[in-house]
């Protein structure tokens, strides 16, 4: 048994009963190939769209965003901004647990904004 290919997208364009919502634009995207085990697609739901993307444009943008993760030279399962938000919140939780307050966090942010490594949470 093999995994599905990277880039497989399931949405409700077929018009038949679907696994996605009819209320919101949703789709499942398998953007990666699994090295071990089963590749699990991620579900994406568009909550607010002020730009006016077509579904196909949004799906393609989402797929290409999975190739921008700096820790991997292949596509990843979830879009890169979501991974970076995860690492940023994890670092913030660690700093807060270590006793950092708002003033300390602002100093750290200023220090890294003016350095060569602005994404210190990676």
N, C-alpha and C. Protein backbone atom coordinates (compact mmCIF):
# COMPACT_ATOMS: atom_id res chain seq x y z
N UNK A 1 0.84 -1.17 0.00
CA UNK A 1 0.00 0.00 0.00
C UNK A 1 0.89 1.24 0.00
N UNK A 2 0.53 2.25 -0.78
CA UNK A 2 1.33 3.46 -0.87
C UNK A 2 0.51 4.67 -0.45
N UNK A 3 1.22 5.75 -0.16
CA UNK A 3 0.58 7.01 0.19
C UNK A 3 0.12 7.73 -1.07
N UNK A 4 -0.78 8.69 -0.88
CA UNK A 4 -1.18 9.53 -2.00
C UNK A 4 -0.03 10.46 -2.36
N UNK A 5 -0.04 10.94 -3.57
CA UNK A 5 1.02 11.83 -4.05
C UNK A 5 0.91 13.21 -3.41
N UNK A 6 2.03 13.89 -3.24
CA UNK A 6 1.97 15.27 -2.76
C UNK A 6 1.23 16.14 -3.76
N UNK A 7 0.41 17.04 -3.26
CA UNK A 7 -0.36 17.93 -4.12
C UNK A 7 -1.80 17.50 -4.31
N UNK A 8 -2.18 16.35 -3.77
CA UNK A 8 -3.56 15.89 -3.89
C UNK A 8 -4.44 16.78 -3.02
N UNK A 9 -5.51 17.27 -3.62
CA UNK A 9 -6.42 18.18 -2.93
C UNK A 9 -7.84 17.67 -3.09
N UNK A 10 -8.60 17.67 -2.00
CA UNK A 10 -10.00 17.25 -2.02
C UNK A 10 -10.84 18.44 -1.60
N UNK A 11 -11.78 18.83 -2.46
CA UNK A 11 -12.71 19.90 -2.11
C UNK A 11 -14.10 19.50 -2.59
N UNK A 12 -15.02 20.43 -2.61
CA UNK A 12 -16.39 20.08 -2.98
C UNK A 12 -16.75 20.53 -4.39
N UNK A 13 -15.81 20.57 -5.30
CA UNK A 13 -16.11 20.98 -6.66
C UNK A 13 -16.89 19.92 -7.45
N UNK A 14 -16.91 18.69 -6.97
CA UNK A 14 -17.61 17.63 -7.69
C UNK A 14 -19.11 17.77 -7.64
N UNK A 15 -19.63 18.50 -6.67
CA UNK A 15 -21.06 18.71 -6.57
C UNK A 15 -21.78 17.59 -5.84
N UNK A 16 -21.14 16.48 -5.61
CA UNK A 16 -21.75 15.38 -4.88
C UNK A 16 -21.52 15.57 -3.40
N UNK A 17 -22.04 14.63 -2.60
CA UNK A 17 -21.76 14.70 -1.17
C UNK A 17 -20.26 14.71 -0.95
N UNK A 18 -19.84 15.51 -0.02
CA UNK A 18 -18.41 15.70 0.15
C UNK A 18 -18.05 15.62 1.62
N UNK A 19 -16.77 15.51 1.89
CA UNK A 19 -16.30 15.47 3.27
C UNK A 19 -16.01 16.87 3.80
N UNK A 20 -16.16 17.88 2.97
CA UNK A 20 -15.93 19.25 3.40
C UNK A 20 -17.26 19.97 3.60
N UNK A 21 -17.20 21.09 4.30
CA UNK A 21 -18.40 21.85 4.62
C UNK A 21 -18.97 22.54 3.38
N UNK A 22 -20.26 22.73 3.38
CA UNK A 22 -20.89 23.51 2.32
C UNK A 22 -21.06 24.97 2.74
N UNK A 23 -20.80 25.26 4.03
CA UNK A 23 -20.94 26.62 4.54
C UNK A 23 -19.70 27.47 4.32
N UNK A 24 -18.53 26.86 4.41
CA UNK A 24 -17.27 27.57 4.25
C UNK A 24 -16.46 26.92 3.14
N UNK A 25 -15.63 27.72 2.46
CA UNK A 25 -14.69 27.10 1.51
C UNK A 25 -13.65 26.30 2.28
N UNK A 26 -13.66 25.00 2.11
CA UNK A 26 -12.73 24.12 2.79
C UNK A 26 -12.10 23.17 1.79
N UNK A 27 -10.92 22.68 2.15
CA UNK A 27 -10.30 21.64 1.36
C UNK A 27 -9.28 20.89 2.21
N UNK A 28 -9.02 19.66 1.80
CA UNK A 28 -7.97 18.84 2.39
C UNK A 28 -6.82 18.82 1.40
N UNK A 29 -5.61 19.03 1.89
CA UNK A 29 -4.45 19.06 1.02
C UNK A 29 -3.36 18.18 1.60
N UNK A 30 -2.89 17.25 0.79
CA UNK A 30 -1.71 16.47 1.15
C UNK A 30 -0.54 17.09 0.41
N UNK A 31 0.23 17.90 1.11
CA UNK A 31 1.29 18.66 0.44
C UNK A 31 2.66 18.03 0.57
N UNK A 32 2.77 16.88 1.21
CA UNK A 32 4.08 16.30 1.47
C UNK A 32 4.07 14.80 1.16
N UNK A 33 5.26 14.27 1.03
CA UNK A 33 5.39 12.82 0.93
C UNK A 33 5.95 12.33 2.26
N UNK A 34 5.37 11.27 2.77
CA UNK A 34 5.78 10.76 4.08
C UNK A 34 7.02 9.89 3.93
N UNK A 35 8.05 10.19 4.71
CA UNK A 35 9.25 9.36 4.70
C UNK A 35 8.98 8.02 5.36
N UNK A 36 8.26 8.05 6.44
CA UNK A 36 7.86 6.85 7.17
C UNK A 36 6.38 6.97 7.52
N UNK A 37 5.67 5.90 7.44
CA UNK A 37 4.28 5.91 7.87
C UNK A 37 3.34 6.46 6.82
N UNK A 38 2.24 6.99 7.31
CA UNK A 38 1.16 7.45 6.44
C UNK A 38 1.16 8.97 6.34
N UNK A 39 1.04 9.48 5.12
CA UNK A 39 0.91 10.92 4.91
C UNK A 39 -0.52 11.32 5.24
N UNK A 40 -0.69 12.24 6.20
CA UNK A 40 -2.02 12.67 6.60
C UNK A 40 -2.28 14.06 6.04
N UNK A 41 -3.33 14.22 5.24
CA UNK A 41 -3.63 15.55 4.69
C UNK A 41 -4.13 16.50 5.78
N UNK A 42 -3.90 17.78 5.58
CA UNK A 42 -4.37 18.81 6.50
C UNK A 42 -5.65 19.42 5.95
N UNK A 43 -6.53 19.81 6.85
CA UNK A 43 -7.78 20.46 6.46
C UNK A 43 -7.61 21.96 6.60
N UNK A 44 -7.95 22.68 5.56
CA UNK A 44 -7.86 24.13 5.55
C UNK A 44 -9.26 24.71 5.36
N UNK A 45 -9.61 25.71 6.17
CA UNK A 45 -10.90 26.37 6.09
C UNK A 45 -10.66 27.86 5.92
N UNK A 46 -11.27 28.44 4.91
CA UNK A 46 -11.17 29.88 4.69
C UNK A 46 -12.25 30.56 5.52
N UNK A 47 -11.84 31.34 6.51
CA UNK A 47 -12.78 31.99 7.40
C UNK A 47 -13.17 33.37 6.88
N UNK A 48 -12.18 34.12 6.38
CA UNK A 48 -12.44 35.48 5.89
C UNK A 48 -11.53 35.73 4.70
N UNK A 49 -12.10 36.25 3.62
CA UNK A 49 -11.32 36.48 2.41
C UNK A 49 -11.57 37.90 1.92
N UNK A 50 -10.65 38.80 2.23
CA UNK A 50 -10.81 40.17 1.76
C UNK A 50 -10.11 40.40 0.43
N UNK A 51 -9.32 39.44 -0.03
CA UNK A 51 -8.62 39.57 -1.31
C UNK A 51 -9.49 39.07 -2.45
N UNK A 52 -10.25 38.02 -2.22
CA UNK A 52 -11.11 37.47 -3.26
C UNK A 52 -10.48 36.33 -4.03
N UNK A 53 -9.76 35.46 -3.33
CA UNK A 53 -9.14 34.31 -3.98
C UNK A 53 -10.19 33.36 -4.54
N UNK A 54 -9.87 32.76 -5.68
CA UNK A 54 -10.65 31.62 -6.15
C UNK A 54 -10.17 30.41 -5.37
N UNK A 55 -11.00 29.37 -5.28
CA UNK A 55 -10.60 28.18 -4.54
C UNK A 55 -9.32 27.58 -5.09
N UNK A 56 -9.20 27.50 -6.40
CA UNK A 56 -8.01 26.89 -7.00
C UNK A 56 -6.76 27.72 -6.71
N UNK A 57 -6.88 29.05 -6.68
CA UNK A 57 -5.74 29.90 -6.35
C UNK A 57 -5.31 29.72 -4.89
N UNK A 58 -6.28 29.64 -4.02
CA UNK A 58 -5.98 29.46 -2.60
C UNK A 58 -5.33 28.10 -2.36
N UNK A 59 -5.80 27.08 -3.03
CA UNK A 59 -5.22 25.75 -2.88
C UNK A 59 -3.79 25.71 -3.39
N UNK A 60 -3.53 26.35 -4.51
CA UNK A 60 -2.18 26.38 -5.06
C UNK A 60 -1.24 27.19 -4.17
N UNK A 61 -1.70 28.33 -3.67
CA UNK A 61 -0.90 29.13 -2.75
C UNK A 61 -0.57 28.34 -1.48
N UNK A 62 -1.55 27.65 -0.95
CA UNK A 62 -1.34 26.83 0.24
C UNK A 62 -0.31 25.74 -0.02
N UNK A 63 -0.42 25.11 -1.17
CA UNK A 63 0.53 24.05 -1.52
C UNK A 63 1.95 24.61 -1.59
N UNK A 64 2.15 25.73 -2.26
CA UNK A 64 3.50 26.28 -2.40
C UNK A 64 4.04 26.85 -1.09
N UNK A 65 3.16 27.26 -0.19
CA UNK A 65 3.62 27.73 1.12
C UNK A 65 4.23 26.60 1.95
N UNK A 66 3.91 25.37 1.61
CA UNK A 66 4.47 24.25 2.36
C UNK A 66 5.93 23.98 1.99
N UNK A 67 6.45 24.64 0.97
CA UNK A 67 7.85 24.47 0.55
C UNK A 67 8.79 25.51 1.15
N UNK A 68 8.30 26.43 1.95
CA UNK A 68 9.11 27.54 2.45
C UNK A 68 9.69 27.32 3.84
N UNK A 69 9.51 26.16 4.41
CA UNK A 69 9.97 25.91 5.78
C UNK A 69 11.50 25.78 5.79
N UNK A 70 12.15 26.58 6.61
CA UNK A 70 13.62 26.66 6.57
C UNK A 70 14.32 25.46 7.19
N UNK A 71 13.64 24.64 7.94
CA UNK A 71 14.27 23.48 8.56
C UNK A 71 14.27 22.25 7.66
N UNK A 72 13.64 22.34 6.50
CA UNK A 72 13.49 21.17 5.64
C UNK A 72 13.64 21.59 4.19
N UNK A 73 14.29 20.77 3.38
CA UNK A 73 14.44 21.12 1.96
C UNK A 73 13.38 20.45 1.09
N UNK A 74 12.34 19.93 1.72
CA UNK A 74 11.19 19.35 1.01
C UNK A 74 9.93 20.04 1.50
N UNK A 75 8.82 19.69 0.93
CA UNK A 75 7.57 20.26 1.42
C UNK A 75 7.21 19.63 2.76
N UNK A 76 6.51 20.37 3.58
CA UNK A 76 6.08 19.89 4.89
C UNK A 76 4.56 19.73 4.88
N UNK A 77 4.03 19.10 5.91
CA UNK A 77 2.61 18.76 5.91
C UNK A 77 1.70 19.96 6.11
N UNK A 78 2.13 20.94 6.86
CA UNK A 78 1.33 22.11 7.18
C UNK A 78 2.02 23.35 6.60
N UNK A 79 1.26 24.40 6.32
CA UNK A 79 1.88 25.58 5.72
C UNK A 79 2.89 26.21 6.67
N UNK A 80 3.92 26.78 6.10
CA UNK A 80 5.04 27.32 6.86
C UNK A 80 4.65 28.38 7.88
N UNK A 81 3.77 29.35 7.57
CA UNK A 81 3.41 30.32 8.61
C UNK A 81 2.82 29.69 9.87
N UNK A 82 2.11 28.59 9.71
CA UNK A 82 1.55 27.90 10.88
C UNK A 82 2.67 27.26 11.71
N UNK A 83 3.66 26.68 11.05
CA UNK A 83 4.80 26.12 11.78
C UNK A 83 5.56 27.22 12.51
N UNK A 84 5.80 28.35 11.86
CA UNK A 84 6.53 29.44 12.51
C UNK A 84 5.74 30.01 13.69
N UNK A 85 4.42 30.11 13.56
CA UNK A 85 3.61 30.57 14.68
C UNK A 85 3.71 29.61 15.86
N UNK A 86 3.76 28.32 15.56
CA UNK A 86 3.92 27.31 16.61
C UNK A 86 5.24 27.50 17.35
N UNK A 87 6.35 27.65 16.59
CA UNK A 87 7.66 27.80 17.23
C UNK A 87 7.75 29.12 18.01
N UNK A 88 7.13 30.15 17.49
CA UNK A 88 7.15 31.45 18.17
C UNK A 88 6.39 31.37 19.50
N UNK A 89 5.22 30.75 19.48
CA UNK A 89 4.45 30.63 20.72
C UNK A 89 5.15 29.72 21.73
N UNK A 90 5.81 28.69 21.23
CA UNK A 90 6.56 27.80 22.12
C UNK A 90 7.71 28.54 22.79
N UNK A 91 8.44 29.35 22.01
CA UNK A 91 9.54 30.13 22.58
C UNK A 91 9.01 31.16 23.57
N UNK A 92 7.89 31.79 23.24
CA UNK A 92 7.29 32.74 24.17
C UNK A 92 6.87 32.10 25.48
N UNK A 93 6.33 30.89 25.40
CA UNK A 93 5.93 30.16 26.61
C UNK A 93 7.15 29.81 27.45
N UNK A 94 8.25 29.43 26.79
CA UNK A 94 9.47 29.10 27.52
C UNK A 94 10.04 30.34 28.22
N UNK A 95 10.04 31.46 27.52
CA UNK A 95 10.56 32.68 28.12
C UNK A 95 9.69 33.13 29.28
N UNK A 96 8.37 33.03 29.14
CA UNK A 96 7.47 33.41 30.21
C UNK A 96 7.64 32.49 31.41
N UNK A 97 7.79 31.19 31.15
CA UNK A 97 8.00 30.24 32.25
C UNK A 97 9.32 30.50 32.96
N UNK A 98 10.30 31.07 32.25
CA UNK A 98 11.60 31.38 32.86
C UNK A 98 11.58 32.70 33.62
N UNK A 99 10.44 33.39 33.62
CA UNK A 99 10.32 34.61 34.40
C UNK A 99 10.36 35.89 33.59
N UNK A 100 10.32 35.80 32.28
CA UNK A 100 10.35 37.01 31.46
C UNK A 100 9.03 37.75 31.58
N UNK A 101 9.11 39.06 31.64
CA UNK A 101 7.91 39.89 31.66
C UNK A 101 7.83 40.69 30.36
N UNK A 102 6.88 41.59 30.26
CA UNK A 102 6.69 42.36 29.02
C UNK A 102 7.92 43.18 28.65
N UNK A 103 8.56 43.78 29.63
CA UNK A 103 9.74 44.60 29.36
C UNK A 103 10.88 43.73 28.82
N UNK A 104 11.08 42.58 29.45
CA UNK A 104 12.13 41.66 28.98
C UNK A 104 11.84 41.18 27.57
N UNK A 105 10.59 40.82 27.28
CA UNK A 105 10.23 40.34 25.95
C UNK A 105 10.41 41.43 24.89
N UNK A 106 10.12 42.69 25.25
CA UNK A 106 10.34 43.79 24.32
C UNK A 106 11.82 43.99 24.04
N UNK A 107 12.67 43.86 25.06
CA UNK A 107 14.12 43.99 24.87
C UNK A 107 14.65 42.87 23.97
N UNK A 108 14.18 41.65 24.20
CA UNK A 108 14.61 40.53 23.36
C UNK A 108 14.17 40.75 21.92
N UNK A 109 12.96 41.21 21.74
CA UNK A 109 12.45 41.47 20.39
C UNK A 109 13.28 42.53 19.69
N UNK A 110 13.58 43.63 20.37
CA UNK A 110 14.41 44.69 19.79
C UNK A 110 15.79 44.18 19.43
N UNK A 111 16.38 43.37 20.30
CA UNK A 111 17.71 42.85 20.06
C UNK A 111 17.72 41.98 18.79
N UNK A 112 16.73 41.13 18.62
CA UNK A 112 16.71 40.24 17.46
C UNK A 112 16.23 40.92 16.19
N UNK A 113 15.48 41.99 16.30
CA UNK A 113 15.06 42.73 15.10
C UNK A 113 16.25 43.38 14.41
N UNK A 114 17.26 43.75 15.17
CA UNK A 114 18.42 44.43 14.61
C UNK A 114 19.61 43.49 14.41
N UNK A 115 19.40 42.19 14.57
CA UNK A 115 20.47 41.24 14.36
C UNK A 115 20.32 40.56 13.00
N UNK A 116 21.23 39.67 12.68
CA UNK A 116 21.17 38.93 11.43
C UNK A 116 20.22 37.73 11.50
N UNK A 117 19.72 37.41 12.68
CA UNK A 117 18.81 36.28 12.84
C UNK A 117 17.51 36.75 13.48
N UNK A 118 16.64 37.37 12.69
CA UNK A 118 15.41 37.90 13.29
C UNK A 118 14.44 36.81 13.75
N UNK A 119 14.55 35.59 13.21
CA UNK A 119 13.63 34.53 13.61
C UNK A 119 14.35 33.62 14.60
N UNK A 120 14.61 34.13 15.81
CA UNK A 120 15.40 33.39 16.79
C UNK A 120 14.65 32.19 17.33
N UNK A 121 13.35 32.06 17.07
CA UNK A 121 12.58 30.95 17.59
C UNK A 121 12.77 29.68 16.78
N UNK A 122 13.43 29.75 15.62
CA UNK A 122 13.61 28.57 14.78
C UNK A 122 14.70 27.73 15.31
